[in-house]
PDB file of N, CA and C in Angstrom:
ATOM      1  N   MET A   1       0.901  -1.274   0.022  1.00  0.00           N
ATOM      2  CA  MET A   1      -0.351  -0.007   0.349  1.00  0.00           C
ATOM      3  C   MET A   1       0.923   1.315   0.034  1.00  0.00           C
ATOM      4  N   SER A   2       0.609   2.432  -0.513  1.00  0.00           N
ATOM      5  CA  SER A   2       1.091   3.423  -0.714  1.00  0.00           C
ATOM      6  C   SER A   2       1.264   4.205   0.551  1.00  0.00           C
ATOM      7  N   PRO A   3       2.026   4.805   1.007  1.00  0.00           N
ATOM      8  CA  PRO A   3       2.295   5.523   2.308  1.00  0.00           C
ATOM      9  C   PRO A   3       1.530   6.533   2.523  1.00  0.00           C
ATOM     10  N   TYR A   4       1.176   7.132   1.025  1.00  0.00           N
ATOM     11  CA  TYR A   4       0.188   8.121   1.408  1.00  0.00           C
ATOM     12  C   TYR A   4      -0.941   8.182   1.285  1.00  0.00           C
ATOM     13  N   LEU A   5      -1.535   6.962   0.895  1.00  0.00           N
ATOM     14  CA  LEU A   5      -2.561   6.358   0.895  1.00  0.00           C
ATOM     15  C   LEU A   5      -2.737   5.936   2.531  1.00  0.00           C
ATOM     16  N   LEU A   6      -1.760   5.365   3.123  1.00  0.00           N
ATOM     17  CA  LEU A   6      -1.972   4.737   4.386  1.00  0.00           C
ATOM     18  C   LEU A   6      -2.107   6.088   5.682  1.00  0.00           C
ATOM     19  N   TYR A   7      -1.122   7.210   4.956  1.00  0.00           N
ATOM     20  CA  TYR A   7      -1.237   8.615   5.812  1.00  0.00           C
ATOM     21  C   TYR A   7      -2.749   9.443   6.119  1.00  0.00           C
ATOM     22  N   VAL A   8      -3.160   9.057   4.514  1.00  0.00           N
ATOM     23  CA  VAL A   8      -4.699   9.550   4.722  1.00  0.00           C
ATOM     24  C   VAL A   8      -5.594   8.685   5.492  1.00  0.00           C
ATOM     25  N   SER A   9      -5.071   7.286   5.126  1.00  0.00           N
ATOM     26  CA  SER A   9      -6.483   6.407   6.318  1.00  0.00           C
ATOM     27  C   SER A   9      -6.220   6.831   7.603  1.00  0.00           C
ATOM     28  N   SER A  10      -4.881   7.367   7.963  1.00  0.00           N
ATOM     29  CA  SER A  10      -4.249   8.022   9.739  1.00  0.00           C
ATOM     30  C   SER A  10      -5.247   8.791   9.857  1.00  0.00           C
ATOM     31  N   VAL A  11      -5.334   9.863   8.984  1.00  0.00           N
ATOM     32  CA  VAL A  11      -6.477  11.015   8.868  1.00  0.00           C
ATOM     33  C   VAL A  11      -7.718  10.733   8.866  1.00  0.00           C
ATOM     34  N   VAL A  12      -8.137   9.738   8.181  1.00  0.00           N
ATOM     35  CA  VAL A  12      -9.414   9.437   8.226  1.00  0.00           C
ATOM     36  C   VAL A  12      -9.883   8.798   9.735  1.00  0.00           C
ATOM     37  N   ILE A  13      -9.046   8.027   9.944  1.00  0.00           N
ATOM     38  CA  ILE A  13      -9.301   7.724  11.542  1.00  0.00           C
ATOM     39  C   ILE A  13      -9.618   8.413  12.646  1.00  0.00           C
ATOM     40  N   SER A  14      -8.155   9.593  12.601  1.00  0.00           N
ATOM     41  CA  SER A  14      -8.558  10.714  13.542  1.00  0.00           C
ATOM     42  C   SER A  14      -9.749  11.386  13.660  1.00  0.00           C
ATOM     43  N   SER A  15     -10.119  11.407  12.396  1.00  0.00           N
ATOM     44  CA  SER A  15     -11.502  12.443  11.912  1.00  0.00           C
ATOM     45  C   SER A  15     -12.638  11.684  12.817  1.00  0.00           C
ATOM     46  N   VAL A  16     -12.748  10.736  12.337  1.00  0.00           N
ATOM     47  CA  VAL A  16     -13.841   9.815  12.914  1.00  0.00           C
ATOM     48  C   VAL A  16     -13.745   9.498  14.413  1.00  0.00           C
ATOM     49  N   SER A  17     -12.396   9.282  15.065  1.00  0.00           N
ATOM     50  CA  SER A  17     -12.645   9.524  16.313  1.00  0.00           C
ATOM     51  C   SER A  17     -12.613  10.751  17.117  1.00  0.00           C
ATOM     52  N   GLN A  18     -12.401  11.681  16.243  1.00  0.00           N
ATOM     53  CA  GLN A  18     -13.092  13.211  17.053  1.00  0.00           C
ATOM     54  C   GLN A  18     -14.588  13.260  16.713  1.00  0.00           C
ATOM     55  N   ILE A  19     -15.107  12.710  15.611  1.00  0.00           N
ATOM     56  CA  ILE A  19     -16.750  12.743  15.902  1.00  0.00           C
ATOM     57  C   ILE A  19     -16.986  11.802  17.243  1.00  0.00           C
ATOM     58  N   LEU A  20     -16.319  10.799  17.152  1.00  0.00           N
ATOM     59  CA  LEU A  20     -16.949  10.152  18.483  1.00  0.00           C
ATOM     60  C   LEU A  20     -16.800  10.835  19.733  1.00  0.00           C
ATOM     61  N   LEU A  21     -15.740  11.467  19.702  1.00  0.00           N
ATOM     62  CA  LEU A  21     -15.134  12.508  21.010  1.00  0.00           C
ATOM     63  C   LEU A  21     -16.403  13.341  20.942  1.00  0.00           C
ATOM     64  N   LYS A  22     -16.767  14.231  20.036  1.00  0.00           N
ATOM     65  CA  LYS A  22     -17.706  15.271  20.450  1.00  0.00           C
ATOM     66  C   LYS A  22     -19.198  14.635  20.457  1.00  0.00           C
ATOM     67  N   LYS A  23     -19.295  13.414  19.969  1.00  0.00           N
ATOM     68  CA  LYS A  23     -20.860  12.692  19.947  1.00  0.00           C
ATOM     69  C   LYS A  23     -20.765  12.211  21.945  1.00  0.00           C
ATOM     70  N   SER A  24     -19.757  11.966  22.331  1.00  0.00           N
ATOM     71  CA  SER A  24     -19.874  11.891  23.930  1.00  0.00           C
ATOM     72  C   SER A  24     -20.083  13.236  24.530  1.00  0.00           C
ATOM     73  N   ALA A  25     -19.491  14.237  23.951  1.00  0.00           N
ATOM     74  CA  ALA A  25     -19.268  15.820  24.876  1.00  0.00           C
ATOM     75  C   ALA A  25     -20.823  16.119  24.822  1.00  0.00           C
ATOM     76  N   MET A  26     -21.815  15.484  23.555  1.00  0.00           N
ATOM     77  CA  MET A  26     -22.889  16.262  23.434  1.00  0.00           C
ATOM     78  C   MET A  26     -24.055  14.996  24.488  1.00  0.00           C
ATOM     79  N   LYS A  27     -24.046  14.202  25.235  1.00  0.00           N
ATOM     80  CA  LYS A  27     -24.382  13.923  26.155  1.00  0.00           C
ATOM     81  C   LYS A  27     -24.415  13.954  27.581  1.00  0.00           C
ATOM     82  N   LYS A  28     -25.353  13.782  28.183  1.00  0.00           N
ATOM     83  CA  LYS A  28     -25.386  14.070  29.650  1.00  0.00           C
ATOM     84  C   LYS A  28     -25.006  12.925  30.348  1.00  0.00           C
ATOM     85  N   HIS A  29     -24.030  13.076  31.173  1.00  0.00           N
ATOM     86  CA  HIS A  29     -23.649  11.585  31.593  1.00  0.00           C
ATOM     87  C   HIS A  29     -23.759  11.461  33.594  1.00  0.00           C
ATOM     88  N   ASP A  30     -24.091  10.519  34.088  1.00  0.00           N
ATOM     89  CA  ASP A  30     -24.423  10.467  34.915  1.00  0.00           C
ATOM     90  C   ASP A  30     -23.086  10.793  35.810  1.00  0.00           C
ATOM     91  N   SER A  31     -21.978  10.706  36.186  1.00  0.00           N
ATOM     92  CA  SER A  31     -21.092  11.400  36.766  1.00  0.00           C
ATOM     93  C   SER A  31     -19.863  11.977  36.531  1.00  0.00           C
ATOM     94  N   PHE A  32     -18.872  12.630  36.957  1.00  0.00           N
ATOM     95  CA  PHE A  32     -17.988  13.188  36.625  1.00  0.00           C
ATOM     96  C   PHE A  32     -16.878  11.959  35.537  1.00  0.00           C
ATOM     97  N   ILE A  33     -16.903  10.956  36.513  1.00  0.00           N
ATOM     98  CA  ILE A  33     -15.915  10.062  36.029  1.00  0.00           C
ATOM     99  C   ILE A  33     -16.530   9.320  34.466  1.00  0.00           C
ATOM    100  N   TRP A  34     -17.719   9.306  34.561  1.00  0.00           N
ATOM    101  CA  TRP A  34     -18.171   8.501  33.675  1.00  0.00           C
ATOM    102  C   TRP A  34     -18.036   9.563  32.063  1.00  0.00           C
ATOM    103  N   GLU A  35     -17.791  10.763  32.331  1.00  0.00           N
ATOM    104  CA  GLU A  35     -17.471  11.299  31.288  1.00  0.00           C
ATOM    105  C   GLU A  35     -16.188  10.994  30.220  1.00  0.00           C
ATOM    106  N   TYR A  36     -15.587  10.662  31.118  1.00  0.00           N
ATOM    107  CA  TYR A  36     -14.167  10.060  30.736  1.00  0.00           C
ATOM    108  C   TYR A  36     -14.138   8.519  30.484  1.00  0.00           C
ATOM    109  N   LEU A  37     -14.936   7.710  31.094  1.00  0.00           N
ATOM    110  CA  LEU A  37     -14.941   6.473  30.888  1.00  0.00           C
ATOM    111  C   LEU A  37     -16.001   5.589  30.238  1.00  0.00           C
ATOM    112  N   ASN A  38     -16.779   6.539  29.281  1.00  0.00           N
ATOM    113  CA  ASN A  38     -17.612   5.635  28.572  1.00  0.00           C
ATOM    114  C   ASN A  38     -17.192   5.156  27.393  1.00  0.00           C
ATOM    115  N   PRO A  39     -17.738   4.357  26.496  1.00  0.00           N
ATOM    116  CA  PRO A  39     -17.463   3.638  25.421  1.00  0.00           C
ATOM    117  C   PRO A  39     -16.789   4.350  24.242  1.00  0.00           C
ATOM    118  N   TYR A  40     -17.952   5.372  24.076  1.00  0.00           N
ATOM    119  CA  TYR A  40     -17.479   6.397  22.981  1.00  0.00           C
ATOM    120  C   TYR A  40     -15.997   6.935  23.109  1.00  0.00           C
ATOM    121  N   VAL A  41     -15.563   7.671  24.635  1.00  0.00           N
ATOM    122  CA  VAL A  41     -14.318   7.809  24.789  1.00  0.00           C
ATOM    123  C   VAL A  41     -13.342   7.262  24.653  1.00  0.00           C
ATOM    124  N   ILE A  42     -13.334   5.876  25.115  1.00  0.00           N
ATOM    125  CA  ILE A  42     -12.247   4.865  25.277  1.00  0.00           C
ATOM    126  C   ILE A  42     -11.896   4.326  24.064  1.00  0.00           C
ATOM    127  N   ILE A  43     -13.080   4.299  22.979  1.00  0.00           N
ATOM    128  CA  ILE A  43     -13.264   3.554  21.570  1.00  0.00           C
ATOM    129  C   ILE A  43     -12.736   4.554  20.947  1.00  0.00           C
ATOM    130  N   ALA A  44     -12.892   5.684  20.909  1.00  0.00           N
ATOM    131  CA  ALA A  44     -12.069   7.056  19.965  1.00  0.00           C
ATOM    132  C   ALA A  44     -10.689   7.270  20.610  1.00  0.00           C
ATOM    133  N   TYR A  45     -10.417   6.931  21.605  1.00  0.00           N
ATOM    134  CA  TYR A  45      -8.515   7.051  21.920  1.00  0.00           C
ATOM    135  C   TYR A  45      -8.351   5.953  21.703  1.00  0.00           C
ATOM    136  N   GLY A  46      -8.591   4.991  21.827  1.00  0.00           N
ATOM    137  CA  GLY A  46      -8.170   3.544  20.645  1.00  0.00           C
ATOM    138  C   GLY A  46      -7.723   4.123  19.643  1.00  0.00           C
ATOM    139  N   MET A  47      -8.954   4.626  18.612  1.00  0.00           N
ATOM    140  CA  MET A  47      -8.669   5.175  17.267  1.00  0.00           C
ATOM    141  C   MET A  47      -7.411   5.905  16.965  1.00  0.00           C
ATOM    142  N   PHE A  48      -7.406   6.994  18.071  1.00  0.00           N
ATOM    143  CA  PHE A  48      -6.306   7.858  18.326  1.00  0.00           C
ATOM    144  C   PHE A  48      -4.869   6.939  17.836  1.00  0.00           C
ATOM    145  N   PHE A  49      -5.174   6.235  18.745  1.00  0.00           N
ATOM    146  CA  PHE A  49      -3.232   5.332  19.073  1.00  0.00           C
ATOM    147  C   PHE A  49      -3.143   4.540  17.834  1.00  0.00           C
ATOM    148  N   GLY A  50      -4.190   4.167  17.106  1.00  0.00           N
ATOM    149  CA  GLY A  50      -4.144   3.098  16.038  1.00  0.00           C
ATOM    150  C   GLY A  50      -3.815   4.108  14.789  1.00  0.00           C
ATOM    151  N   ALA A  51      -4.246   5.198  14.945  1.00  0.00           N
ATOM    152  CA  ALA A  51      -4.037   6.401  13.929  1.00  0.00           C
ATOM    153  C   ALA A  51      -2.768   6.737  13.795  1.00  0.00           C
ATOM    154  N   THR A  52      -2.112   6.695  15.126  1.00  0.00           N
ATOM    155  CA  THR A  52      -0.995   7.395  15.500  1.00  0.00           C
ATOM    156  C   THR A  52       0.173   5.769  14.936  1.00  0.00           C
ATOM    157  N   LEU A  53      -0.072   4.627  15.015  1.00  0.00           N
ATOM    158  CA  LEU A  53       0.710   3.708  14.461  1.00  0.00           C
ATOM    159  C   LEU A  53       0.607   3.635  13.037  1.00  0.00           C
ATOM    160  N   VAL A  54      -0.292   3.447  12.715  1.00  0.00           N
ATOM    161  CA  VAL A  54      -0.794   3.851  11.132  1.00  0.00           C
ATOM    162  C   VAL A  54       0.105   5.096  10.351  1.00  0.00           C
ATOM    163  N   GLY A  55       0.111   6.245  11.253  1.00  0.00           N
ATOM    164  CA  GLY A  55       0.847   7.684  10.450  1.00  0.00           C
ATOM    165  C   GLY A  55       2.488   6.619  10.468  1.00  0.00           C
ATOM    166  N   VAL A  56       2.988   6.472  11.911  1.00  0.00           N
ATOM    167  CA  VAL A  56       4.393   6.106  11.794  1.00  0.00           C
ATOM    168  C   VAL A  56       4.602   5.000  10.991  1.00  0.00           C
ATOM    169  N   PHE A  57       3.713   4.185  10.315  1.00  0.00           N
ATOM    170  CA  PHE A  57       4.153   2.844   9.334  1.00  0.00           C
ATOM    171  C   PHE A  57       4.332   3.591   8.175  1.00  0.00           C
ATOM    172  N   ALA A  58       3.227   4.947   7.956  1.00  0.00           N
ATOM    173  CA  ALA A  58       3.197   5.679   6.735  1.00  0.00           C
ATOM    174  C   ALA A  58       4.432   6.705   6.503  1.00  0.00           C
ATOM    175  N   PHE A  59       4.848   6.793   7.490  1.00  0.00           N
ATOM    176  CA  PHE A  59       6.167   8.034   7.356  1.00  0.00           C
ATOM    177  C   PHE A  59       7.377   6.974   7.213  1.00  0.00           C
ATOM    178  N   ARG A  60       7.633   6.262   7.066  1.00  0.00           N
ATOM    179  CA  ARG A  60       8.679   4.947   6.668  1.00  0.00           C
ATOM    180  C   ARG A  60       8.700   5.280   5.379  1.00  0.00           C
ATOM    181  N   GLY A  61       7.651   5.852   4.630  1.00  0.00           N
ATOM    182  CA  GLY A  61       7.819   5.678   3.043  1.00  0.00           C
ATOM    183  C   GLY A  61       7.663   6.815   2.626  1.00  0.00           C
ATOM    184  N   MET A  62       7.461   7.902   3.134  1.00  0.00           N
ATOM    185  CA  MET A  62       7.499   9.349   2.622  1.00  0.00           C
ATOM    186  C   MET A  62       8.274  10.156   3.080  1.00  0.00           C
ATOM    187  N   GLU A  63       7.913  11.230   2.655  1.00  0.00           N
ATOM    188  CA  GLU A  63       9.141  12.765   3.258  1.00  0.00           C
ATOM    189  C   GLU A  63       8.292  13.264   4.353  1.00  0.00           C
ATOM    190  N   TYR A  64       8.815  13.478   5.129  1.00  0.00           N
ATOM    191  CA  TYR A  64       8.173  14.182   6.719  1.00  0.00           C
ATOM    192  C   TYR A  64       7.225  15.474   5.762  1.00  0.00           C
ATOM    193  N   LYS A  65       8.343  16.167   4.980  1.00  0.00           N
ATOM    194  CA  LYS A  65       7.363  17.421   4.433  1.00  0.00           C
ATOM    195  C   LYS A  65       5.948  17.772   4.379  1.00  0.00           C
ATOM    196  N   ASN A  66       5.378  15.850   3.717  1.00  0.00           N
ATOM    197  CA  ASN A  66       4.550  16.014   3.389  1.00  0.00           C
ATOM    198  C   ASN A  66       3.422  15.715   4.431  1.00  0.00           C
ATOM    199  N   GLY A  67       3.739  15.433   5.688  1.00  0.00           N
ATOM    200  CA  GLY A  67       2.700  15.068   6.834  1.00  0.00           C
ATOM    201  C   GLY A  67       1.920  16.050   7.204  1.00  0.00           C
ATOM    202  N   PRO A  68       2.170  17.483   7.562  1.00  0.00           N
ATOM    203  CA  PRO A  68       1.344  18.326   7.797  1.00  0.00           C
ATOM    204  C   PRO A  68       0.433  18.869   6.560  1.00  0.00           C
ATOM    205  N   VAL A  69       0.798  18.391   5.713  1.00  0.00           N
ATOM    206  CA  VAL A  69      -0.150  18.923   4.273  1.00  0.00           C
ATOM    207  C   VAL A  69      -1.355  17.886   4.308  1.00  0.00           C
ATOM    208  N   ILE A  70      -0.979  16.897   4.467  1.00  0.00           N
ATOM    209  CA  ILE A  70      -2.065  15.744   4.380  1.00  0.00           C
ATOM    210  C   ILE A  70      -2.572  15.753   5.675  1.00  0.00           C
ATOM    211  N   GLU A  71      -2.103  15.917   6.800  1.00  0.00           N
ATOM    212  CA  GLU A  71      -3.032  15.948   8.179  1.00  0.00           C
ATOM    213  C   GLU A  71      -3.888  17.274   7.800  1.00  0.00           C
ATOM    214  N   SER A  72      -3.871  18.322   7.452  1.00  0.00           N
ATOM    215  CA  SER A  72      -4.748  19.421   7.178  1.00  0.00           C
ATOM    216  C   SER A  72      -5.849  18.757   6.412  1.00  0.00           C
ATOM    217  N   LEU A  73      -6.248  17.597   5.690  1.00  0.00           N
ATOM    218  CA  LEU A  73      -7.260  17.316   5.441  1.00  0.00           C
ATOM    219  C   LEU A  73      -8.325  16.865   6.619  1.00  0.00           C
ATOM    220  N   GLY A  74      -7.796  16.654   7.595  1.00  0.00           N
ATOM    221  CA  GLY A  74      -8.471  16.469   8.548  1.00  0.00           C
ATOM    222  C   GLY A  74      -9.558  17.585   8.964  1.00  0.00           C
ATOM    223  N   PHE A  75      -9.142  18.416   8.825  1.00  0.00           N
ATOM    224  CA  PHE A  75     -10.005  19.836   8.860  1.00  0.00           C
ATOM    225  C   PHE A  75     -11.320  19.841   7.955  1.00  0.00           C
ATOM    226  N   ILE A  76     -11.093  19.352   6.794  1.00  0.00           N
ATOM    227  CA  ILE A  76     -12.237  19.288   6.335  1.00  0.00           C
ATOM    228  C   ILE A  76     -12.807  18.262   6.365  1.00  0.00           C
ATOM    229  N   LEU A  77     -12.147  16.869   6.182  1.00  0.00           N
ATOM    230  CA  LEU A  77     -13.407  15.777   6.955  1.00  0.00           C
ATOM    231  C   LEU A  77     -14.141  15.885   8.142  1.00  0.00           C
ATOM    232  N   VAL A  78     -13.232  16.507   9.099  1.00  0.00           N
ATOM    233  CA  VAL A  78     -14.381  16.740  10.351  1.00  0.00           C
ATOM    234  C   VAL A  78     -15.237  17.578  10.359  1.00  0.00           C
ATOM    235  N   LEU A  79     -15.029  18.727   9.652  1.00  0.00           N
ATOM    236  CA  LEU A  79     -16.024  19.332   8.653  1.00  0.00           C
ATOM    237  C   LEU A  79     -17.309  18.908   7.554  1.00  0.00           C
ATOM    238  N   LEU A  80     -16.760  18.043   7.339  1.00  0.00           N
ATOM    239  CA  LEU A  80     -18.002  17.352   6.541  1.00  0.00           C
ATOM    240  C   LEU A  80     -18.858  16.162   7.220  1.00  0.00           C
ATOM    241  N   LEU A  81     -18.051  15.317   8.501  1.00  0.00           N
ATOM    242  CA  LEU A  81     -18.596  14.730   8.744  1.00  0.00           C
ATOM    243  C   LEU A  81     -19.621  15.136  10.279  1.00  0.00           C
ATOM    244  N   SER A  82     -19.275  16.380  10.483  1.00  0.00           N
ATOM    245  CA  SER A  82     -20.003  17.054  11.240  1.00  0.00           C
ATOM    246  C   SER A  82     -21.440  17.392  10.918  1.00  0.00           C
ATOM    247  N   ARG A  83     -21.354  17.984   9.287  1.00  0.00           N
ATOM    248  CA  ARG A  83     -22.555  18.205   8.521  1.00  0.00           C
ATOM    249  C   ARG A  83     -23.284  16.981   8.774  1.00  0.00           C
ATOM    250  N   PHE A  84     -22.670  15.924   8.284  1.00  0.00           N
ATOM    251  CA  PHE A  84     -23.510  14.478   8.022  1.00  0.00           C
ATOM    252  C   PHE A  84     -23.930  13.870   9.276  1.00  0.00           C
ATOM    253  N   PHE A  85     -23.294  14.057  10.460  1.00  0.00           N
ATOM    254  CA  PHE A  85     -23.848  13.273  11.597  1.00  0.00           C
ATOM    255  C   PHE A  85     -24.446  14.186  12.702  1.00  0.00           C
ATOM    256  N   PHE A  86     -24.235  15.467  12.650  1.00  0.00           N
ATOM    257  CA  PHE A  86     -24.692  16.260  13.300  1.00  0.00           C
ATOM    258  C   PHE A  86     -25.678  17.025  12.594  1.00  0.00           C
ATOM    259  N   GLY A  87     -25.663  17.047  11.664  1.00  0.00           N
ATOM    260  CA  GLY A  87     -26.596  18.566  11.075  1.00  0.00           C
ATOM    261  C   GLY A  87     -25.850  19.997  11.179  1.00  0.00           C
ATOM    262  N   GLU A  88     -24.108  19.971  11.285  1.00  0.00           N
ATOM    263  CA  GLU A  88     -23.822  21.210  11.560  1.00  0.00           C
ATOM    264  C   GLU A  88     -24.340  22.670  10.457  1.00  0.00           C
ATOM    265  N   LYS A  89     -24.342  23.517  10.763  1.00  0.00           N
ATOM    266  CA  LYS A  89     -24.500  24.406   9.843  1.00  0.00           C
ATOM    267  C   LYS A  89     -23.012  24.329   8.886  1.00  0.00           C
ATOM    268  N   VAL A  90     -22.909  24.508   7.526  1.00  0.00           N
ATOM    269  CA  VAL A  90     -21.526  24.788   7.227  1.00  0.00           C
ATOM    270  C   VAL A  90     -21.660  25.828   6.640  1.00  0.00           C
ATOM    271  N   THR A  91     -21.052  27.274   7.104  1.00  0.00           N
ATOM    272  CA  THR A  91     -21.071  28.522   7.021  1.00  0.00           C
ATOM    273  C   THR A  91     -20.095  29.456   6.036  1.00  0.00           C
ATOM    274  N   CYS A  92     -20.278  30.810   6.053  1.00  0.00           N
ATOM    275  CA  CYS A  92     -19.610  31.334   4.682  1.00  0.00           C
ATOM    276  C   CYS A  92     -17.988  30.901   5.375  1.00  0.00           C
ATOM    277  N   ARG A  93     -17.669  31.075   6.452  1.00  0.00           N
ATOM    278  CA  ARG A  93     -16.119  31.365   7.565  1.00  0.00           C
ATOM    279  C   ARG A  93     -16.066  29.770   6.915  1.00  0.00           C
ATOM    280  N   LYS A  94     -16.692  28.701   7.427  1.00  0.00           N
ATOM    281  CA  LYS A  94     -16.226  27.436   7.319  1.00  0.00           C
ATOM    282  C   LYS A  94     -15.713  27.312   5.877  1.00  0.00           C
ATOM    283  N   ILE A  95     -16.435  27.584   4.918  1.00  0.00           N
ATOM    284  CA  ILE A  95     -16.224  27.392   3.573  1.00  0.00           C
ATOM    285  C   ILE A  95     -14.864  28.101   3.098  1.00  0.00           C
ATOM    286  N   ALA A  96     -14.747  29.436   3.431  1.00  0.00           N
ATOM    287  CA  ALA A  96     -13.425  30.275   3.555  1.00  0.00           C
ATOM    288  C   ALA A  96     -12.169  29.324   4.515  1.00  0.00           C
ATOM    289  N   GLY A  97     -12.390  28.938   5.339  1.00  0.00           N
ATOM    290  CA  GLY A  97     -11.434  28.222   5.927  1.00  0.00           C
ATOM    291  C   GLY A  97     -10.733  27.112   5.338  1.00  0.00           C
ATOM    292  N   THR A  98     -11.838  26.215   4.353  1.00  0.00           N
ATOM    293  CA  THR A  98     -11.395  25.275   3.775  1.00  0.00           C
ATOM    294  C   THR A  98     -11.133  25.472   2.818  1.00  0.00           C
ATOM    295  N   LEU A  99     -11.382  26.899   2.082  1.00  0.00           N
ATOM    296  CA  LEU A  99     -10.481  26.829   0.633  1.00  0.00           C
ATOM    297  C   LEU A  99      -9.377  27.180   1.211  1.00  0.00           C
ATOM    298  N   CYS A 100      -8.882  27.963   1.975  1.00  0.00           N
ATOM    299  CA  CYS A 100      -7.683  28.392   2.890  1.00  0.00           C
ATOM    300  C   CYS A 100      -7.079  27.147   2.544  1.00  0.00           C
ATOM    301  N   ILE A 101      -7.264  25.863   2.908  1.00  0.00           N
ATOM    302  CA  ILE A 101      -6.481  25.129   3.721  1.00  0.00           C
ATOM    303  C   ILE A 101      -6.316  24.457   2.037  1.00  0.00           C
ATOM    304  N   LEU A 102      -7.512  24.188   1.278  1.00  0.00           N
ATOM    305  CA  LEU A 102      -7.250  23.549  -0.381  1.00  0.00           C
ATOM    306  C   LEU A 102      -5.983  24.665  -0.925  1.00  0.00           C
ATOM    307  N   VAL A 103      -6.198  25.952  -0.884  1.00  0.00           N
ATOM    308  CA  VAL A 103      -5.327  26.646  -1.724  1.00  0.00           C
ATOM    309  C   VAL A 103      -3.604  26.464  -0.925  1.00  0.00           C
ATOM    310  N   GLY A 104      -3.479  26.605   0.126  1.00  0.00           N
ATOM    311  CA  GLY A 104      -2.323  26.095   0.896  1.00  0.00           C
ATOM    312  C   GLY A 104      -1.793  24.721   0.237  1.00  0.00           C
ATOM    313  N   ILE A 105      -2.732  23.377   0.253  1.00  0.00           N
ATOM    314  CA  ILE A 105      -2.342  22.413  -0.262  1.00  0.00           C
ATOM    315  C   ILE A 105      -1.953  22.508  -1.531  1.00  0.00           C
ATOM    316  N   VAL A 106      -2.239  23.112  -2.378  1.00  0.00           N
ATOM    317  CA  VAL A 106      -2.093  23.160  -4.096  1.00  0.00           C
ATOM    318  C   VAL A 106      -0.638  24.258  -3.985  1.00  0.00           C
ATOM    319  N   VAL A 107      -0.438  25.285  -3.324  1.00  0.00           N
ATOM    320  CA  VAL A 107       0.850  25.814  -3.579  1.00  0.00           C
ATOM    321  C   VAL A 107       1.823  25.507  -2.799  1.00  0.00           C
ATOM    322  N   PHE A 108       1.254  24.154  -1.617  1.00  0.00           N
ATOM    323  CA  PHE A 108       2.788  23.603  -1.378  1.00  0.00           C
ATOM    324  C   PHE A 108       3.442  22.606  -2.495  1.00  0.00           C
ATOM    325  N   TYR A 109       2.523  22.360  -3.209  1.00  0.00           N
ATOM    326  CA  TYR A 109       2.831  21.152  -4.044  1.00  0.00           C
ATOM    327  C   TYR A 109       3.097  21.577  -5.469  1.00  0.00           C
ATOM    328  N   LEU A 110       2.690  22.704  -5.748  1.00  0.00           N
ATOM    329  CA  LEU A 110       3.198  23.437  -6.931  1.00  0.00           C
ATOM    330  C   LEU A 110       5.032  23.101  -7.171  1.00  0.00           C
TER     331      LEU A 110
END
């Protein structure tokens, strides 16, 4: 598998885990400790750990300078996932931010 595709999969895993953490934060929990020891949080942190491992393996075959550029795609993915799962509005400011990220990626690779 391509190291770039592997790193993109790491970004996808991280983005999904962020959605799980947000889902947990939106719920009312019985106690303070249950806010941090519920299935959503435990699974999300497990996914973060897995994404880190996948990222380490991806960096074995790619240049380090590409990491932050690919990682910035996570911001766009979280925006899309939040819209899909939580029905959040995509505002003009969010679109402008997304366009800035995309322009930055294009400029980096020119």
